[in-house]
């Protein structure tokens, strides 16, 4: 009987202790083989092109190219590679951009080691694994999307809509704070909530979206 080829894995995380721990976990799995480690998005893209791994374990928050952009680039370079996001973050502004970028699975770093190994094994068959806390947000978002098809800003509060209009109008956080007579820290909180609810990576994309969807109109 022919021996099955091992699952090849590329580990991407800017923390050496995390990479080493994951490497140790998968080294003892008879059907897994760690073929590379990357401490940045740039290195991950290079190694993905060189190694074409079956699975990429992807951290999201890294210096330089973040995990979302890295996921997108990896999927472009090596479409056969399945990206599993392994992160500590479960907020909307991380979840949805990562899934849209092409991540197959999204799990948190508190996952049981055995479950992580099983997630990798399922990934090679195209089976997705989503952390329960993340899955709940995905389901909630699907329901919200159904209700908000006619209004893409349905989740935003009146204050958040006001802040978004000012962002789309080209105002900085400091200028928005002065105009609304609130602190700049409060503005930053509103901006973060807006990006999370709209599933945008940055304020520029949110501003463009506001214009595209008719929240802003030319004078």
Protein backbone atom coordinates (compact mmCIF):
# COMPACT_ATOMS: atom_id res chain seq x y z
CA UNK A 1 0.00 0.00 0.00
CA UNK A 2 1.46 3.37 -1.06
CA UNK A 3 2.27 5.80 1.70
CA UNK A 4 0.14 8.94 1.60
CA UNK A 5 1.94 12.22 1.05
CA UNK A 6 2.05 14.36 4.23
CA UNK A 7 0.09 17.58 4.53
CA UNK A 8 2.58 20.37 3.90
CA UNK A 9 2.20 23.38 6.18
CA UNK A 10 3.55 26.94 6.10
CA UNK A 11 3.39 28.73 9.47
CA UNK A 12 3.05 32.52 9.37
CA UNK A 13 3.37 34.47 12.63
CA UNK A 14 5.64 37.31 13.70
CA UNK A 15 6.17 35.77 17.15
CA UNK A 16 8.93 33.17 17.23
CA UNK A 17 7.48 31.40 20.27
CA UNK A 18 4.18 30.85 18.46
CA UNK A 19 5.90 29.55 15.34
CA UNK A 20 8.06 27.18 17.37
CA UNK A 21 5.08 25.91 19.35
CA UNK A 22 3.09 25.22 16.19
CA UNK A 23 6.08 23.59 14.56
CA UNK A 24 6.48 21.28 17.57
CA UNK A 25 2.77 20.39 17.47
CA UNK A 26 2.78 19.42 13.80
CA UNK A 27 6.17 17.76 13.80
CA UNK A 28 4.76 14.97 15.98
CA UNK A 29 1.82 14.41 13.61
CA UNK A 30 2.67 11.52 11.27
CA UNK A 31 0.61 12.96 8.42
CA UNK A 32 1.87 16.56 8.65
CA UNK A 33 5.08 18.26 7.54
CA UNK A 34 6.05 21.85 8.33
CA UNK A 35 7.85 23.03 5.20
CA UNK A 36 8.41 26.64 6.17
CA UNK A 37 8.05 29.41 8.73
CA UNK A 38 7.52 33.08 7.96
CA UNK A 39 7.78 36.00 10.39
CA UNK A 40 6.11 38.52 8.07
CA UNK A 41 3.60 38.80 5.29
CA UNK A 42 6.33 39.52 2.77
CA UNK A 43 8.20 36.33 3.68
CA UNK A 44 4.96 34.36 3.68
CA UNK A 45 4.20 35.38 0.10
CA UNK A 46 7.72 34.48 -1.01
CA UNK A 47 7.63 31.08 0.69
CA UNK A 48 4.11 30.31 -0.57
CA UNK A 49 5.32 30.86 -4.13
CA UNK A 50 8.39 28.72 -3.53
CA UNK A 51 6.84 25.89 -1.50
CA UNK A 52 3.18 25.82 -2.65
CA UNK A 53 2.04 24.35 0.70
CA UNK A 54 -1.22 22.50 1.23
CA UNK A 55 -2.08 24.66 4.25
CA UNK A 56 -1.00 28.10 5.46
CA UNK A 57 -1.54 28.91 9.13
CA UNK A 58 -1.94 32.68 9.04
CA UNK A 59 -1.65 35.25 11.82
CA UNK A 60 -3.55 38.46 11.10
CA UNK A 61 -1.72 41.25 12.89
CA UNK A 62 1.88 41.53 11.71
CA UNK A 63 4.22 44.39 10.86
CA UNK A 64 4.35 45.29 7.18
CA UNK A 65 1.76 43.42 5.13
CA UNK A 66 -1.00 42.28 7.47
CA UNK A 67 -2.59 38.84 7.43
CA UNK A 68 -5.60 39.87 5.33
CA UNK A 69 -3.49 41.25 2.50
CA UNK A 70 -1.08 38.33 2.82
CA UNK A 71 -3.97 35.89 2.53
CA UNK A 72 -5.13 37.59 -0.64
CA UNK A 73 -1.64 37.49 -2.16
CA UNK A 74 -1.05 33.87 -1.15
CA UNK A 75 -4.32 32.81 -2.77
CA UNK A 76 -3.35 34.63 -5.95
CA UNK A 77 0.10 33.03 -6.05
CA UNK A 78 -0.90 29.56 -4.85
CA UNK A 79 -4.66 28.97 -5.28
CA UNK A 80 -4.30 25.36 -4.12
CA UNK A 81 -3.06 26.47 -0.70
CA UNK A 82 -5.76 26.58 1.96
CA UNK A 83 -5.40 29.47 4.40
CA UNK A 84 -6.38 28.93 8.02
CA UNK A 85 -6.47 32.14 10.03
CA UNK A 86 -5.08 31.53 13.53
CA UNK A 87 -5.47 34.69 15.57
CA UNK A 88 -6.44 36.21 18.90
CA UNK A 89 -8.87 38.64 17.25
CA UNK A 90 -12.56 37.94 16.79
CA UNK A 91 -13.86 41.41 15.94
CA UNK A 92 -15.81 42.04 12.73
CA UNK A 93 -13.07 44.21 11.23
CA UNK A 94 -10.79 41.18 11.27
CA UNK A 95 -13.21 38.33 10.56
CA UNK A 96 -14.96 39.46 7.41
CA UNK A 97 -12.00 40.95 5.50
CA UNK A 98 -10.03 37.73 6.19
CA UNK A 99 -12.82 35.51 4.89
CA UNK A 100 -13.32 37.75 1.86
CA UNK A 101 -9.58 37.61 1.16
CA UNK A 102 -9.87 33.86 0.72
CA UNK A 103 -9.32 32.28 4.15
CA UNK A 104 -10.97 28.87 4.36
CA UNK A 105 -11.09 28.65 8.16
CA UNK A 106 -10.96 31.14 11.03
CA UNK A 107 -9.90 29.86 14.46
CA UNK A 108 -8.67 31.54 17.61
CA UNK A 109 -5.41 30.89 19.40
CA UNK A 110 -7.21 29.42 22.41
CA UNK A 111 -8.17 26.43 20.24
CA UNK A 112 -7.38 22.97 21.57
CA UNK A 113 -4.22 21.63 19.85
CA UNK A 114 -6.06 18.51 18.73
CA UNK A 115 -8.80 20.63 17.16
CA UNK A 116 -6.20 22.69 15.33
CA UNK A 117 -4.64 19.55 13.89
CA UNK A 118 -8.11 18.38 12.82
CA UNK A 119 -8.75 21.78 11.23
CA UNK A 120 -5.62 21.36 9.14
CA UNK A 121 -6.60 17.82 8.12
CA UNK A 122 -10.05 18.98 7.07
CA UNK A 123 -8.64 21.93 5.16
CA UNK A 124 -6.94 19.69 2.59
CA UNK A 125 -10.40 18.39 1.73
CA UNK A 126 -11.77 21.92 1.43
CA UNK A 127 -13.72 21.69 4.69
CA UNK A 128 -14.00 24.93 6.64
CA UNK A 129 -13.74 25.27 10.41
CA UNK A 130 -14.95 28.43 12.13
CA UNK A 131 -14.50 29.16 15.83
CA UNK A 132 -17.94 29.13 17.53
CA UNK A 133 -17.61 32.76 18.62
CA UNK A 134 -16.75 33.76 15.06
CA UNK A 135 -19.46 31.54 13.56
CA UNK A 136 -22.05 33.30 15.69
CA UNK A 137 -20.98 36.63 14.22
CA UNK A 138 -21.09 35.24 10.68
CA UNK A 139 -24.64 33.94 11.20
CA UNK A 140 -25.69 37.25 12.75
CA UNK A 141 -24.16 39.12 9.85
CA UNK A 142 -26.04 37.01 7.32
CA UNK A 143 -29.28 37.88 9.08
CA UNK A 144 -28.41 41.56 9.21
CA UNK A 145 -27.46 41.50 5.53
CA UNK A 146 -30.85 40.06 4.63
CA UNK A 147 -32.56 42.92 6.48
CA UNK A 148 -30.19 45.59 5.22
CA UNK A 149 -30.11 44.79 1.51
CA UNK A 150 -31.97 48.00 0.76
CA UNK A 151 -29.95 50.04 3.27
CA UNK A 152 -26.22 49.26 3.51
CA UNK A 153 -25.95 51.62 6.50
CA UNK A 154 -28.73 50.01 8.56
CA UNK A 155 -26.38 48.99 11.37
CA UNK A 156 -24.92 52.47 11.88
CA UNK A 157 -26.27 54.74 14.59
CA UNK A 158 -27.21 58.35 13.80
CA UNK A 159 -23.93 59.54 15.29
CA UNK A 160 -21.94 57.00 13.27
CA UNK A 161 -23.72 58.11 10.09
CA UNK A 162 -22.81 61.69 10.95
CA UNK A 163 -19.17 60.74 11.45
CA UNK A 164 -19.13 58.72 8.21
CA UNK A 165 -20.49 61.69 6.27
CA UNK A 166 -17.70 63.84 7.65
CA UNK A 167 -15.10 61.18 6.82
CA UNK A 168 -16.47 61.05 3.28
CA UNK A 169 -16.28 64.82 3.24
CA UNK A 170 -12.53 64.58 3.77
CA UNK A 171 -12.32 65.65 7.41
CA UNK A 172 -9.63 64.29 9.72
CA UNK A 173 -10.41 62.89 13.17
CA UNK A 174 -9.30 66.15 14.78
CA UNK A 175 -11.55 68.17 12.47
CA UNK A 176 -14.50 65.85 13.12
CA UNK A 177 -13.93 66.16 16.88
CA UNK A 178 -13.94 69.95 16.66
CA UNK A 179 -17.04 70.04 14.47
CA UNK A 180 -19.06 67.67 16.67
CA UNK A 181 -17.62 69.04 19.93
CA UNK A 182 -16.43 65.63 21.12
CA UNK A 183 -13.01 64.24 21.95
CA UNK A 184 -10.71 62.85 19.27
CA UNK A 185 -10.65 59.59 21.22
CA UNK A 186 -14.44 59.36 20.88
CA UNK A 187 -14.14 59.99 17.17
CA UNK A 188 -11.61 57.17 16.88
CA UNK A 189 -14.07 54.90 18.67
CA UNK A 190 -16.83 55.82 16.22
CA UNK A 191 -14.50 55.26 13.25
CA UNK A 192 -13.54 51.83 14.57
CA UNK A 193 -17.21 50.90 14.99
CA UNK A 194 -18.04 52.16 11.50
CA UNK A 195 -15.25 50.13 9.90
CA UNK A 196 -16.31 47.05 11.86
CA UNK A 197 -19.99 47.34 10.92
CA UNK A 198 -19.22 48.02 7.26
CA UNK A 199 -16.44 45.40 7.20
CA UNK A 200 -13.96 47.90 5.80
CA UNK A 201 -10.21 47.85 6.35
CA UNK A 202 -9.69 51.61 6.40
CA UNK A 203 -11.49 54.95 6.36
CA UNK A 204 -10.69 55.60 2.71
CA UNK A 205 -12.68 52.53 1.62
CA UNK A 206 -15.51 53.58 3.96
CA UNK A 207 -15.55 57.06 2.41
CA UNK A 208 -15.67 55.66 -1.13
CA UNK A 209 -18.46 53.29 -0.06
CA UNK A 210 -20.45 56.20 1.36
CA UNK A 211 -20.27 58.01 -1.98
CA UNK A 212 -21.01 54.88 -4.01
CA UNK A 213 -24.08 54.00 -1.94
CA UNK A 214 -25.59 57.48 -2.03
CA UNK A 215 -24.94 58.56 1.56
CA UNK A 216 -23.10 61.54 0.07
CA UNK A 217 -24.34 63.56 -2.86
CA UNK A 218 -22.55 66.24 -4.89
CA UNK A 219 -23.62 69.77 -4.04
